[in-house]
N, C-alpha and C. Protein backbone atom coordinates (compact mmCIF):
# COMPACT_ATOMS: atom_id res chain seq x y z
N MET A 1 51.39 111.31 61.13
CA MET A 1 51.91 110.10 61.45
C MET A 1 52.30 108.88 61.06
N SER A 2 53.57 108.43 61.11
CA SER A 2 53.92 107.34 59.74
C SER A 2 53.35 105.97 60.04
N ALA A 3 53.30 105.04 59.36
CA ALA A 3 52.80 104.28 59.11
C ALA A 3 53.40 102.98 60.94
N SER A 4 54.08 103.17 60.65
CA SER A 4 54.78 102.17 61.80
C SER A 4 54.31 102.85 63.42
N ALA A 5 54.16 104.21 63.23
CA ALA A 5 53.50 104.78 64.07
C ALA A 5 51.85 104.57 64.97
N LYS A 6 51.41 104.72 63.52
CA LYS A 6 49.83 103.99 63.71
C LYS A 6 49.86 102.23 64.19
N ASN A 7 51.01 101.78 63.28
CA ASN A 7 51.04 100.36 64.45
C ASN A 7 51.03 100.55 65.50
N SER A 8 51.57 101.25 66.08
CA SER A 8 52.18 100.98 67.36
C SER A 8 51.13 101.67 68.71
N SER A 9 50.65 102.64 67.94
CA SER A 9 48.89 103.63 68.39
C SER A 9 48.27 102.34 68.66
N SER A 10 47.83 101.79 67.59
CA SER A 10 46.79 100.32 67.76
C SER A 10 47.22 99.14 68.70
N SER A 11 48.48 98.84 68.07
CA SER A 11 48.12 97.72 69.47
C SER A 11 48.65 97.73 70.39
N ALA A 12 49.18 99.06 70.74
CA ALA A 12 49.39 99.01 71.87
C ALA A 12 48.44 99.36 72.99
N SER A 13 46.97 99.96 72.47
CA SER A 13 46.27 100.16 72.80
C SER A 13 44.81 99.24 72.15
N MET A 14 45.18 98.03 72.55
CA MET A 14 44.45 97.19 71.40
C MET A 14 43.46 97.48 70.99
N GLY A 15 43.76 98.56 69.48
CA GLY A 15 42.99 98.87 68.71
C GLY A 15 42.27 99.79 69.14
N ASN A 16 41.79 99.81 70.37
CA ASN A 16 41.13 101.09 70.67
C ASN A 16 41.11 102.74 70.06
N ILE A 17 42.14 103.14 69.92
CA ILE A 17 42.18 104.71 69.63
C ILE A 17 43.69 104.83 68.40
N ASN A 18 43.23 105.55 67.51
CA ASN A 18 44.22 105.84 66.56
C ASN A 18 43.88 107.68 66.68
N ILE A 19 44.70 108.46 66.64
CA ILE A 19 44.15 110.09 66.80
C ILE A 19 44.63 110.08 65.19
N ASP A 20 44.16 111.03 64.82
CA ASP A 20 44.55 112.13 63.60
C ASP A 20 45.54 112.96 64.30
N PRO A 21 46.84 113.23 64.02
CA PRO A 21 47.34 114.44 64.53
C PRO A 21 47.18 115.78 63.74
N THR A 22 46.15 115.69 63.28
CA THR A 22 45.52 117.22 62.51
C THR A 22 45.01 117.95 63.42
N GLY A 23 45.72 119.22 63.70
CA GLY A 23 45.23 120.14 64.75
C GLY A 23 46.91 119.76 65.87
N PHE A 24 46.89 119.03 66.31
CA PHE A 24 47.70 119.19 67.37
C PHE A 24 49.24 119.98 67.05
N VAL A 25 49.18 120.84 67.96
CA VAL A 25 50.64 121.98 67.93
C VAL A 25 51.92 121.05 69.11
N LYS A 26 51.73 121.19 70.20
CA LYS A 26 52.91 120.59 71.26
C LYS A 26 52.57 119.36 71.69
N LEU A 27 51.89 118.31 71.20
CA LEU A 27 52.21 116.82 71.36
C LEU A 27 52.89 116.39 70.29
N GLY A 28 52.57 116.81 69.79
CA GLY A 28 53.68 116.24 68.17
C GLY A 28 53.38 114.79 68.26
N SER A 29 54.85 114.93 67.89
CA SER A 29 55.40 112.87 67.76
C SER A 29 54.76 112.12 69.47
N GLN A 30 55.05 112.85 70.02
CA GLN A 30 54.35 112.28 71.54
C GLN A 30 53.00 111.56 71.47
N LEU A 31 51.79 112.24 70.16
CA LEU A 31 50.93 112.07 70.68
C LEU A 31 49.92 110.49 70.32
N PRO A 32 50.67 109.51 69.46
CA PRO A 32 50.76 108.28 69.83
C PRO A 32 50.64 107.89 71.22
N ARG A 33 51.67 107.59 71.48
CA ARG A 33 52.40 107.08 73.23
C ARG A 33 50.46 107.79 73.67
N LEU A 34 50.83 109.16 74.17
CA LEU A 34 49.87 109.37 74.73
C LEU A 34 48.65 109.21 74.79
N ALA A 35 48.28 109.09 73.71
CA ALA A 35 47.36 108.15 73.28
C ALA A 35 46.70 106.83 73.81
N ASN A 36 48.12 106.46 73.72
CA ASN A 36 47.90 105.28 74.04
C ASN A 36 47.72 104.96 76.04
N ILE A 37 48.14 105.94 76.55
CA ILE A 37 48.46 106.16 77.79
C ILE A 37 47.10 106.26 78.36
N LEU A 38 46.38 107.84 77.39
CA LEU A 38 44.85 108.05 77.70
C LEU A 38 43.88 106.69 77.68
N ALA A 39 44.12 106.07 76.34
CA ALA A 39 42.98 105.10 76.07
C ALA A 39 42.90 103.62 77.39
N HIS A 40 44.48 103.40 77.87
CA HIS A 40 44.55 102.37 78.73
C HIS A 40 43.81 102.69 80.11
N ALA A 41 44.47 104.30 80.67
CA ALA A 41 43.65 104.96 82.09
C ALA A 41 42.23 104.82 81.64
N ILE A 42 41.67 105.06 80.46
CA ILE A 42 40.06 105.32 80.49
C ILE A 42 39.42 103.99 80.45
N ASN A 43 40.60 103.08 80.35
CA ASN A 43 40.14 101.11 80.25
C ASN A 43 39.91 100.93 81.55
N GLU A 44 41.15 101.67 82.21
CA GLU A 44 40.96 101.18 83.96
C GLU A 44 40.05 101.68 84.43
N LEU A 45 39.29 102.65 84.41
CA LEU A 45 38.50 103.89 85.35
C LEU A 45 37.39 103.35 84.84
N SER A 46 37.00 102.66 83.68
CA SER A 46 35.56 102.09 82.66
C SER A 46 34.76 103.19 82.57
N LEU A 47 35.40 104.41 82.03
CA LEU A 47 34.73 105.20 81.18
C LEU A 47 34.17 104.99 79.71
N PRO A 48 33.28 105.03 79.58
CA PRO A 48 32.25 104.98 77.73
C PRO A 48 32.51 105.80 77.30
N LEU A 49 34.16 106.51 76.80
CA LEU A 49 34.49 107.83 75.90
C LEU A 49 34.26 106.79 74.43
N SER A 50 34.05 107.72 73.78
CA SER A 50 34.59 107.32 72.34
C SER A 50 35.69 107.96 71.76
N GLU A 51 36.15 107.52 70.40
CA GLU A 51 37.18 107.93 70.09
C GLU A 51 37.60 109.45 69.82
N THR A 52 35.90 110.13 69.48
CA THR A 52 35.91 111.18 69.47
C THR A 52 36.25 111.85 71.24
N GLN A 53 35.84 111.42 71.98
CA GLN A 53 35.90 112.29 73.30
C GLN A 53 37.61 111.87 73.80
N GLN A 54 38.23 110.84 73.34
CA GLN A 54 38.92 110.72 73.59
C GLN A 54 40.07 111.80 73.10
N ARG A 55 40.17 112.25 71.59
CA ARG A 55 40.82 112.91 70.93
C ARG A 55 40.89 114.26 71.61
N THR A 56 39.39 114.88 71.87
CA THR A 56 39.25 115.59 72.35
C THR A 56 39.91 116.30 73.44
N LEU A 57 40.11 115.11 74.83
CA LEU A 57 40.89 115.30 75.88
C LEU A 57 41.98 115.58 75.64
N LEU A 58 42.55 115.00 74.77
CA LEU A 58 44.19 115.18 74.30
C LEU A 58 44.29 116.44 73.32
N LEU A 59 43.19 117.21 72.13
CA LEU A 59 43.67 118.25 71.91
C LEU A 59 43.01 119.37 72.91
N TYR A 60 42.71 119.53 74.24
CA TYR A 60 42.82 120.24 75.36
C TYR A 60 43.67 120.44 76.11
N LEU A 61 44.68 118.91 76.23
CA LEU A 61 45.89 119.03 76.84
C LEU A 61 47.08 119.67 75.60
N ASP A 62 47.16 119.16 74.68
CA ASP A 62 47.65 120.42 73.45
C ASP A 62 47.73 121.99 73.65
N GLN A 63 46.31 122.38 73.72
CA GLN A 63 45.77 123.59 74.15
C GLN A 63 46.68 123.97 75.42
N LEU A 64 45.98 123.68 76.49
CA LEU A 64 46.35 123.87 77.72
C LEU A 64 48.06 124.17 77.83
N LEU A 65 48.91 123.20 76.98
CA LEU A 65 50.49 123.32 77.09
C LEU A 65 51.13 124.59 76.26
N LEU A 66 50.06 124.67 74.70
CA LEU A 66 50.61 125.42 74.06
C LEU A 66 49.96 127.04 74.69
N TRP A 67 49.26 127.30 75.94
CA TRP A 67 48.61 129.08 76.16
C TRP A 67 49.34 128.87 77.13
N ASN A 68 50.04 127.81 77.67
CA ASN A 68 50.19 127.90 79.23
C ASN A 68 51.48 129.56 79.54
N LYS A 69 52.30 129.93 78.90
CA LYS A 69 52.80 130.64 79.15
C LYS A 69 52.50 132.15 79.09
N ALA A 70 51.14 132.12 78.12
CA ALA A 70 50.32 133.55 77.88
C ALA A 70 48.70 133.57 79.32
N TYR A 71 48.72 132.50 79.55
CA TYR A 71 48.01 132.17 80.26
C TYR A 71 48.57 131.72 82.26
N ASN A 72 49.38 131.44 82.33
CA ASN A 72 49.98 130.65 83.66
C ASN A 72 49.27 129.94 84.01
N LEU A 73 49.34 129.13 83.31
CA LEU A 73 47.75 127.72 83.52
C LEU A 73 48.12 126.78 83.98
N THR A 74 49.59 126.30 84.48
CA THR A 74 50.34 125.53 85.02
C THR A 74 51.43 125.27 85.50
N ALA A 75 51.92 124.39 86.29
CA ALA A 75 53.42 124.78 86.58
C ALA A 75 54.51 123.43 85.94
N ILE A 76 53.40 122.25 85.08
CA ILE A 76 54.12 121.35 84.73
C ILE A 76 53.77 121.29 83.27
N THR A 77 54.77 121.43 82.82
CA THR A 77 54.94 121.63 81.19
C THR A 77 55.60 120.13 80.15
N ASP A 78 55.91 118.64 81.30
CA ASP A 78 56.17 117.59 80.63
C ASP A 78 54.55 117.14 80.06
N PRO A 79 54.37 116.82 78.64
CA PRO A 79 52.77 116.56 78.21
C PRO A 79 52.56 115.78 79.00
N GLU A 80 53.33 114.12 78.93
CA GLU A 80 53.26 113.11 79.42
C GLU A 80 52.33 113.30 80.98
N GLU A 81 53.28 114.16 81.89
CA GLU A 81 53.29 114.26 83.30
C GLU A 81 52.02 115.74 83.54
N ALA A 82 51.75 116.57 82.61
CA ALA A 82 50.12 116.87 82.36
C ALA A 82 49.30 115.65 82.12
N LEU A 83 49.36 114.95 81.18
CA LEU A 83 48.03 114.32 80.77
C LEU A 83 47.94 113.32 82.06
N ILE A 84 48.71 112.77 82.95
CA ILE A 84 48.13 112.02 84.31
C ILE A 84 48.03 113.10 85.32
N LYS A 85 48.61 113.73 85.78
CA LYS A 85 48.13 114.70 86.88
C LYS A 85 47.06 115.81 86.84
N HIS A 86 46.94 116.38 85.14
CA HIS A 86 46.21 116.70 85.18
C HIS A 86 44.71 115.85 84.30
N VAL A 87 44.65 115.26 83.47
CA VAL A 87 43.82 114.66 82.48
C VAL A 87 43.21 114.03 83.45
N ILE A 88 43.88 112.44 83.31
CA ILE A 88 43.75 111.19 84.02
C ILE A 88 43.34 111.86 85.27
N ASP A 89 44.07 112.52 86.14
CA ASP A 89 43.44 112.65 87.66
C ASP A 89 42.16 113.03 87.87
N CYS A 90 41.64 114.46 87.07
CA CYS A 90 40.17 114.65 86.68
C CYS A 90 39.35 113.42 86.23
N LEU A 91 39.70 112.37 85.23
CA LEU A 91 38.63 111.61 84.66
C LEU A 91 38.51 110.60 86.11
N SER A 92 39.47 110.58 87.09
CA SER A 92 39.35 109.67 88.22
C SER A 92 38.36 109.84 88.93
N ILE A 93 36.88 111.03 88.81
CA ILE A 93 35.73 111.18 89.51
C ILE A 93 34.51 111.12 88.96
N ILE A 94 34.82 110.82 87.27
CA ILE A 94 33.99 110.75 86.35
C ILE A 94 32.87 109.81 86.89
N THR A 95 32.75 108.52 87.07
CA THR A 95 31.69 107.65 87.53
C THR A 95 31.72 107.70 89.06
N HIS A 96 32.10 108.99 89.40
CA HIS A 96 31.71 109.02 90.71
C HIS A 96 30.33 109.81 91.17
N LEU A 97 30.84 110.92 90.14
CA LEU A 97 29.60 111.78 90.40
C LEU A 97 28.41 111.89 90.37
N PRO A 98 27.89 112.48 91.15
CA PRO A 98 26.38 112.87 90.84
C PRO A 98 25.66 113.39 90.12
N ALA A 99 24.03 113.56 89.67
CA ALA A 99 24.15 113.42 88.40
C ALA A 99 23.43 115.14 88.61
N GLY A 100 23.26 115.81 87.02
CA GLY A 100 23.03 117.47 87.44
C GLY A 100 23.93 118.52 87.10
N SER A 101 23.06 119.98 87.33
CA SER A 101 23.73 121.06 86.84
C SER A 101 25.10 121.22 87.41
N LEU A 102 26.57 121.55 87.38
CA LEU A 102 27.32 121.31 88.17
C LEU A 102 28.16 122.52 88.07
N LEU A 103 28.93 123.04 89.32
CA LEU A 103 29.79 124.33 89.12
C LEU A 103 30.68 124.15 89.83
N ASP A 104 32.50 124.28 89.08
CA ASP A 104 33.69 124.18 89.07
C ASP A 104 33.98 125.43 90.19
N ILE A 105 34.10 125.61 91.16
CA ILE A 105 34.76 126.82 91.89
C ILE A 105 36.62 126.81 91.75
N GLY A 106 37.23 127.89 91.60
CA GLY A 106 38.47 127.97 91.35
C GLY A 106 38.85 127.04 90.24
N THR A 107 38.10 127.39 89.25
CA THR A 107 38.29 126.21 87.73
C THR A 107 40.01 126.07 87.30
N GLY A 108 40.63 127.09 87.85
CA GLY A 108 41.94 127.83 87.09
C GLY A 108 41.76 128.04 85.42
N ALA A 109 42.53 126.43 84.90
CA ALA A 109 42.60 126.00 83.62
C ALA A 109 41.42 124.92 82.76
N GLY A 110 40.34 124.44 84.24
CA GLY A 110 38.82 124.35 83.66
C GLY A 110 39.40 123.02 83.80
N LEU A 111 40.24 122.44 85.35
CA LEU A 111 40.47 121.36 85.87
C LEU A 111 39.58 121.05 87.28
N PRO A 112 38.29 120.24 87.16
CA PRO A 112 38.16 119.43 86.18
C PRO A 112 36.68 119.58 85.07
N ALA A 113 36.32 120.97 85.67
CA ALA A 113 35.21 121.58 84.83
C ALA A 113 35.53 120.68 83.13
N VAL A 114 36.46 121.21 82.40
CA VAL A 114 36.53 121.09 80.54
C VAL A 114 36.49 119.60 80.87
N ILE A 115 36.81 118.99 81.66
CA ILE A 115 37.41 117.57 81.30
C ILE A 115 35.84 116.37 81.65
N ILE A 116 35.17 117.05 82.63
CA ILE A 116 33.97 116.60 82.78
C ILE A 116 32.67 117.27 81.53
N ALA A 117 33.00 118.44 80.71
CA ALA A 117 32.22 119.00 79.83
C ALA A 117 32.71 117.56 78.50
N ILE A 118 33.48 117.01 78.64
CA ILE A 118 33.84 116.95 77.63
C ILE A 118 33.07 115.44 77.74
N CYS A 119 33.53 114.27 78.94
CA CYS A 119 32.96 113.12 79.16
C CYS A 119 31.90 112.96 79.40
N GLN A 120 31.22 114.06 79.55
CA GLN A 120 29.61 113.85 79.80
C GLN A 120 28.84 115.33 79.15
N PRO A 121 28.27 115.04 77.90
CA PRO A 121 28.00 116.37 77.23
C PRO A 121 26.57 116.56 77.71
N GLU A 122 25.89 115.69 78.33
CA GLU A 122 24.75 115.85 78.44
C GLU A 122 24.36 116.69 79.63
N ARG A 123 25.73 117.11 80.70
CA ARG A 123 25.68 117.69 82.18
C ARG A 123 25.73 119.23 81.76
N GLN A 124 25.49 120.35 82.42
CA GLN A 124 25.69 121.56 82.38
C GLN A 124 26.68 121.94 83.01
N CYS A 125 28.02 122.45 82.60
CA CYS A 125 29.25 122.34 83.68
C CYS A 125 29.22 124.01 83.69
N THR A 126 29.78 124.96 84.56
CA THR A 126 29.66 126.19 85.13
C THR A 126 31.27 126.23 85.61
N ALA A 127 32.32 126.83 84.59
CA ALA A 127 33.50 126.83 85.57
C ALA A 127 33.90 128.40 85.64
N LEU A 128 33.78 128.57 87.19
CA LEU A 128 34.04 129.82 87.61
C LEU A 128 35.53 129.75 88.23
N ASP A 129 35.75 131.21 88.09
CA ASP A 129 37.39 131.66 88.67
C ASP A 129 37.49 133.05 88.53
N SER A 130 38.11 133.55 89.57
CA SER A 130 37.85 135.12 89.54
C SER A 130 39.28 135.59 88.48
N ASN A 131 40.21 134.66 88.07
CA ASN A 131 41.28 134.77 86.93
C ASN A 131 40.84 134.99 85.93
N GLN A 132 40.58 136.23 85.60
CA GLN A 132 40.31 136.39 83.64
C GLN A 132 40.98 135.72 83.04
N LYS A 133 42.58 135.21 82.76
CA LYS A 133 43.40 135.32 81.44
C LYS A 133 42.91 133.71 81.71
N LYS A 134 42.05 133.15 82.62
CA LYS A 134 42.75 131.68 82.57
C LYS A 134 40.85 131.75 82.57
N ILE A 135 39.97 132.67 82.49
CA ILE A 135 38.27 132.11 82.02
C ILE A 135 38.41 132.64 80.70
N ARG A 136 39.51 133.18 79.98
CA ARG A 136 39.64 133.28 78.62
C ARG A 136 39.96 132.13 77.67
N PHE A 137 41.09 131.41 78.52
CA PHE A 137 41.35 130.39 77.91
C PHE A 137 40.51 129.03 77.70
N ILE A 138 39.53 129.19 78.86
CA ILE A 138 37.69 128.65 79.14
C ILE A 138 37.44 128.50 77.39
N LYS A 139 37.19 129.91 78.05
CA LYS A 139 35.88 130.07 76.78
C LYS A 139 36.81 129.90 75.16
N GLN A 140 37.59 130.17 75.04
CA GLN A 140 38.49 129.74 73.77
C GLN A 140 38.54 128.48 73.35
N ILE A 141 38.79 127.63 74.54
CA ILE A 141 38.82 126.28 74.37
C ILE A 141 37.80 125.43 74.31
N SER A 142 36.91 126.16 75.04
CA SER A 142 35.46 125.23 74.62
C SER A 142 34.71 125.82 73.49
N SER A 143 35.24 127.14 73.27
CA SER A 143 34.55 127.23 71.20
C SER A 143 35.63 126.65 70.29
N GLU A 144 36.61 126.24 70.13
CA GLU A 144 37.04 125.09 69.86
C GLU A 144 36.59 123.92 69.81
N LEU A 145 36.86 123.22 70.69
CA LEU A 145 36.39 122.25 71.29
C LEU A 145 35.21 121.87 71.13
N GLY A 146 33.75 122.96 70.48
CA GLY A 146 32.46 122.40 70.52
C GLY A 146 31.66 122.01 71.57
N LEU A 147 32.27 122.86 72.75
CA LEU A 147 31.77 122.34 74.45
C LEU A 147 30.33 123.50 74.43
N SER A 148 29.19 122.99 73.83
CA SER A 148 28.13 123.74 74.17
C SER A 148 27.42 123.60 75.19
N ASN A 149 28.06 122.48 75.92
CA ASN A 149 27.78 122.13 77.41
C ASN A 149 28.78 123.28 78.69
N MET A 150 29.65 123.79 78.32
CA MET A 150 30.38 124.84 78.97
C MET A 150 29.92 126.14 79.18
N GLN A 151 30.01 126.60 80.20
CA GLN A 151 29.57 127.79 80.88
C GLN A 151 30.77 128.35 81.50
N PRO A 152 31.99 129.25 81.08
CA PRO A 152 33.07 129.78 81.87
C PRO A 152 32.41 131.21 82.50
N ILE A 153 32.52 131.62 83.79
CA ILE A 153 32.39 132.45 84.41
C ILE A 153 33.51 133.22 85.71
N ALA A 154 33.81 134.53 84.72
CA ALA A 154 34.50 135.05 85.23
C ALA A 154 34.24 136.32 86.60
N SER A 155 34.55 135.27 87.71
CA SER A 155 33.96 136.00 89.00
C SER A 155 34.13 135.48 90.39
N ARG A 156 34.40 135.99 91.35
CA ARG A 156 34.07 135.79 92.87
C ARG A 156 33.17 134.97 93.37
N ILE A 157 33.43 133.51 93.89
CA ILE A 157 32.45 132.82 94.06
C ILE A 157 31.42 133.81 95.07
N GLU A 158 31.59 135.02 96.32
CA GLU A 158 31.00 135.25 96.93
C GLU A 158 29.70 136.07 96.25
N ALA A 159 30.25 136.80 94.45
CA ALA A 159 29.60 137.10 93.94
C ALA A 159 28.87 136.81 92.93
N HIS A 160 28.37 135.26 92.62
CA HIS A 160 27.98 134.34 91.93
C HIS A 160 26.43 133.89 92.38
N GLU A 161 25.59 133.35 91.68
CA GLU A 161 24.05 133.63 92.85
C GLU A 161 23.45 132.04 92.41
N ALA A 162 24.11 131.54 90.75
CA ALA A 162 23.17 130.61 90.79
C ALA A 162 23.10 129.32 91.66
N SER A 163 22.64 128.20 91.26
CA SER A 163 22.65 127.13 92.50
C SER A 163 23.00 126.22 91.35
N TYR A 164 23.89 125.15 91.87
CA TYR A 164 23.79 123.81 91.40
C TYR A 164 23.62 122.48 92.05
N ASP A 165 23.60 121.39 91.14
CA ASP A 165 22.93 120.12 91.76
C ASP A 165 24.41 119.61 92.29
N VAL A 166 25.32 119.65 91.78
CA VAL A 166 26.66 119.33 92.14
C VAL A 166 27.77 120.95 92.52
N VAL A 167 28.63 120.99 93.51
CA VAL A 167 29.34 122.10 93.21
C VAL A 167 31.08 120.90 93.44
N THR A 168 31.47 121.12 92.51
CA THR A 168 33.00 120.87 92.58
C THR A 168 34.19 121.80 92.80
N SER A 169 35.59 121.09 94.01
CA SER A 169 37.30 122.00 92.82
C SER A 169 37.93 120.96 93.83
N ARG A 170 39.21 121.36 92.87
CA ARG A 170 40.21 120.92 93.23
C ARG A 170 41.10 121.80 94.03
N ALA A 171 40.82 122.93 93.70
CA ALA A 171 41.51 123.52 94.24
C ALA A 171 41.65 123.86 95.98
N PHE A 172 40.29 124.15 96.39
CA PHE A 172 41.20 123.98 97.79
C PHE A 172 41.86 123.48 99.19
N ALA A 173 42.34 124.12 99.66
CA ALA A 173 43.52 123.33 100.79
C ALA A 173 43.07 122.87 102.23
N SER A 174 41.68 123.88 102.17
CA SER A 174 40.69 122.88 103.26
C SER A 174 39.73 122.80 102.92
N LEU A 175 38.71 121.73 103.77
CA LEU A 175 37.98 120.89 103.05
C LEU A 175 36.64 122.24 103.67
N ILE A 176 36.62 122.80 105.05
CA ILE A 176 35.86 123.70 105.99
C ILE A 176 36.12 125.28 104.94
N ASP A 177 36.58 125.10 104.75
CA ASP A 177 36.76 126.60 103.52
C ASP A 177 35.72 126.39 102.18
N PHE A 178 36.02 125.34 101.27
CA PHE A 178 35.46 124.83 100.79
C PHE A 178 33.79 124.83 100.71
N VAL A 179 33.07 123.85 101.82
CA VAL A 179 32.04 123.81 102.19
C VAL A 179 31.35 125.37 102.66
N GLU A 180 32.54 126.46 103.40
CA GLU A 180 31.62 127.69 103.63
C GLU A 180 30.97 128.56 101.88
N VAL A 181 32.27 128.53 101.45
CA VAL A 181 31.72 129.12 100.42
C VAL A 181 31.31 128.50 98.59
N ALA A 182 30.87 127.04 99.20
CA ALA A 182 30.14 126.31 97.98
C ALA A 182 28.54 126.40 98.51
N GLN A 183 27.97 126.13 100.22
CA GLN A 183 26.95 125.59 100.15
C GLN A 183 26.35 126.61 100.03
N PRO A 184 26.39 127.75 100.09
CA PRO A 184 25.31 128.75 99.07
C PRO A 184 24.92 128.75 97.86
N ARG A 185 25.48 128.10 96.92
CA ARG A 185 25.65 127.60 95.60
C ARG A 185 24.79 126.09 95.52
N LEU A 186 24.47 125.53 96.50
CA LEU A 186 24.05 124.51 96.16
C LEU A 186 22.64 124.50 96.11
N ALA A 187 22.02 123.63 95.19
CA ALA A 187 20.52 123.17 95.14
C ALA A 187 20.57 122.57 96.17
N ASP A 188 18.84 122.35 96.43
CA ASP A 188 18.55 121.37 97.23
C ASP A 188 18.93 119.91 97.24
N GLY A 189 18.77 119.23 97.92
CA GLY A 189 19.61 117.90 97.99
C GLY A 189 20.82 117.89 97.01
N GLY A 190 21.36 118.66 96.57
CA GLY A 190 22.73 118.86 96.26
C GLY A 190 23.53 118.59 97.10
N PHE A 191 24.98 117.79 96.05
CA PHE A 191 26.16 117.37 96.27
C PHE A 191 27.16 118.60 96.39
N LEU A 192 28.17 118.19 97.53
CA LEU A 192 29.66 119.55 97.33
C LEU A 192 30.75 117.87 97.62
N CYS A 193 31.29 118.23 96.01
CA CYS A 193 32.39 117.17 95.54
C CYS A 193 33.67 117.78 95.96
N ALA A 194 33.96 117.63 96.71
CA ALA A 194 35.89 118.18 97.05
C ALA A 194 36.94 116.74 96.31
N MET A 195 38.16 117.21 95.19
CA MET A 195 38.59 117.00 94.85
C MET A 195 40.71 117.01 95.90
N LYS A 196 40.34 115.66 96.33
CA LYS A 196 41.48 116.07 97.60
C LYS A 196 42.72 115.42 97.01
N GLY A 197 44.01 115.34 98.00
CA GLY A 197 45.37 114.33 98.01
C GLY A 197 44.82 113.82 98.99
N LYS A 198 45.29 113.72 100.30
CA LYS A 198 45.10 112.95 101.31
C LYS A 198 43.33 113.34 101.92
N ALA A 199 43.00 112.25 102.56
CA ALA A 199 42.23 112.05 102.31
C ALA A 199 41.67 113.10 104.20
N PRO A 200 40.58 113.32 104.20
CA PRO A 200 40.30 114.87 105.16
C PRO A 200 40.45 114.18 107.25
N SER A 201 41.14 115.28 107.44
CA SER A 201 41.65 114.74 108.91
C SER A 201 40.62 114.58 110.11
N GLU A 202 40.41 113.96 111.15
CA GLU A 202 39.20 113.77 112.36
C GLU A 202 38.68 115.13 112.04
N GLU A 203 39.64 115.97 112.38
CA GLU A 203 39.51 117.23 112.96
C GLU A 203 38.18 117.90 111.82
N GLU A 204 39.00 117.66 110.89
CA GLU A 204 37.71 118.23 109.77
C GLU A 204 36.75 117.88 109.87
N LEU A 205 36.84 116.63 109.83
CA LEU A 205 35.18 115.68 109.66
C LEU A 205 34.46 116.10 110.72
N GLN A 206 34.89 116.24 111.70
CA GLN A 206 34.45 116.20 112.69
C GLN A 206 33.52 117.88 113.36
N ALA A 207 34.41 118.41 112.19
CA ALA A 207 33.96 119.81 112.35
C ALA A 207 32.45 120.20 111.56
N LEU A 208 32.75 119.25 110.59
CA LEU A 208 31.36 119.24 109.65
C LEU A 208 30.51 118.36 109.63
N ASP A 209 30.29 117.61 110.51
CA ASP A 209 29.77 116.06 110.81
C ASP A 209 28.24 116.34 110.87
N SER A 210 28.05 117.53 111.68
CA SER A 210 26.53 117.55 112.62
C SER A 210 25.77 118.31 111.29
N ASP A 211 26.30 119.00 110.51
CA ASP A 211 25.91 119.35 109.36
C ASP A 211 25.71 118.96 108.13
N TRP A 212 26.34 117.74 107.72
CA TRP A 212 26.69 116.95 106.30
C TRP A 212 26.81 115.49 106.67
N HIS A 213 26.20 114.82 105.68
CA HIS A 213 26.88 113.24 105.61
C HIS A 213 27.73 113.35 104.41
N ILE A 214 29.04 112.32 104.91
CA ILE A 214 30.21 112.56 104.21
C ILE A 214 30.83 111.24 103.89
N LYS A 215 31.46 111.48 102.71
CA LYS A 215 31.51 109.95 102.40
C LYS A 215 32.97 110.37 101.52
N THR A 216 34.09 109.52 102.31
CA THR A 216 35.09 109.74 101.30
C THR A 216 35.27 108.57 100.79
N ILE A 217 35.71 108.44 99.20
CA ILE A 217 36.01 107.74 97.96
C ILE A 217 37.66 108.13 97.61
N LYS A 218 37.87 106.62 98.22
CA LYS A 218 39.60 106.84 97.61
C LYS A 218 39.74 106.23 96.04
N LEU A 219 39.70 107.13 95.57
CA LEU A 219 40.10 107.30 94.21
C LEU A 219 41.74 106.28 93.58
N THR A 220 41.67 105.57 92.79
CA THR A 220 42.51 105.05 92.22
C THR A 220 42.72 105.82 90.57
N VAL A 221 44.13 106.12 90.75
CA VAL A 221 44.74 107.49 89.06
C VAL A 221 45.43 106.54 88.41
N PRO A 222 45.45 105.92 87.65
CA PRO A 222 46.05 104.59 86.87
C PRO A 222 47.38 105.62 86.37
N ARG A 223 48.56 105.40 86.84
CA ARG A 223 49.89 106.30 86.44
C ARG A 223 50.51 106.67 87.40
N LEU A 224 49.46 107.12 88.40
CA LEU A 224 49.85 108.34 89.70
C LEU A 224 50.01 107.19 90.61
N HIS A 225 50.49 107.49 91.59
CA HIS A 225 50.78 106.75 92.46
C HIS A 225 50.85 107.86 94.01
N ASP A 226 50.69 109.07 93.88
CA ASP A 226 50.04 109.82 95.07
C ASP A 226 48.82 109.84 95.30
N SER A 227 48.79 109.92 97.15
CA SER A 227 46.80 109.94 97.20
C SER A 227 46.29 110.37 96.70
N ARG A 228 44.87 110.15 96.39
CA ARG A 228 43.62 111.36 96.28
C ARG A 228 42.28 110.48 96.50
N HIS A 229 41.75 111.41 96.63
CA HIS A 229 40.47 110.65 97.49
C HIS A 229 39.46 112.32 96.93
N LEU A 230 38.21 111.72 96.53
CA LEU A 230 37.07 112.63 96.22
C LEU A 230 35.80 112.84 97.68
N ILE A 231 35.62 113.19 98.02
CA ILE A 231 35.18 113.85 99.75
C ILE A 231 33.44 114.39 99.20
N GLU A 232 32.27 113.33 99.12
CA GLU A 232 31.05 114.04 98.84
C GLU A 232 30.37 114.42 99.52
N MET A 233 29.88 115.53 100.43
CA MET A 233 28.98 115.66 101.18
C MET A 233 27.31 116.18 100.42
N SER A 234 26.34 115.85 101.51
CA SER A 234 25.61 116.23 101.24
C SER A 234 24.67 116.70 102.28
N ALA A 235 23.66 117.81 102.48
CA ALA A 235 23.05 118.21 103.83
C ALA A 235 22.56 117.41 104.71
N LYS A 236 22.69 117.49 105.96
CA LYS A 236 21.47 116.62 106.64
C LYS A 236 20.39 118.08 107.21
N HIS A 237 19.12 117.07 106.86
CA HIS A 237 18.39 118.23 107.03
C HIS A 237 17.78 117.83 108.19
N SER A 238 17.29 119.10 109.18
CA SER A 238 16.70 119.09 110.02
C SER A 238 15.15 118.67 110.50
């Protein structure tokens, strides 16, 4: 990285971060600018992330784009767009997640599971997907990034038997479908946390209302103008 790139990187991010470019393949000359965007987003979201964690998030993005074709990980190939729509999008839920062990159903490339594992090293995260190739990618990246709190599992949710304090998903179109498959994996007193674009419809909420306390959290994702919500659900006990 040139001296001028370093200067612009540190000044634009208020001196927060200056990323060592060693080990990056796909981000290349865009790294200082992307590091600035990420640092500002983290600041806006009030996340207490170290420079090391910020670098790890960018390394994850770099590897996601590097291995995208081989593993068919994402339709988004532009680094800035992928940073905003994948990494920062997932960062927006971190402060809203209840504590405890976490299962991410239909994790794909590890979104949000890998992002959560990087941000919260004290939390045990399980990334579940039936796609073997995507789980191979998560195993590889977890090893490279030193994510000892990440357990990638290639399985259908119906065949998985452990229970968790928190079950997340970013993949389900229907909230009702998510609840149906996630509820058996939920520990007593646990929470289902579904990442959604638009808020659920009245029909969906009414269908679930008798069994669940439902909290709809409107998310603000820095640099993303699309609607985003986190639906947090806990079981009503009779």
